[in-house]
Amino acid sequence: MKLHALGKWGMNHQQKV
């Protein structure tokens, strides 16, 4: 669950940058 949340967050963060 932690890995999934991190993956989703990382992708969202990269898209925002």
Protein backbone atom coordinates (compact mmCIF):
# COMPACT_ATOMS: atom_id res chain seq x y z
CA MET A 1 0.00 0.00 0.00
CA LYS A 2 2.84 2.35 0.83
CA LEU A 3 4.56 1.60 -2.46
CA HIS A 4 1.38 2.27 -4.43
CA ALA A 5 0.83 5.61 -2.71
CA LEU A 6 4.43 6.61 -3.33
CA GLY A 7 4.26 5.65 -7.00
CA LYS A 8 1.08 7.66 -7.52
CA TRP A 9 2.50 10.66 -5.67
CA GLY A 10 5.81 10.53 -7.53
CA MET A 11 4.04 10.48 -10.90
CA ASN A 12 1.77 13.37 -9.90
CA HIS A 13 4.73 15.37 -8.64
CA GLN A 14 6.70 14.83 -11.85
CA GLN A 15 3.73 15.92 -13.97
CA LYS A 16 3.38 19.13 -11.96
CA VAL A 17 7.04 20.06 -12.30
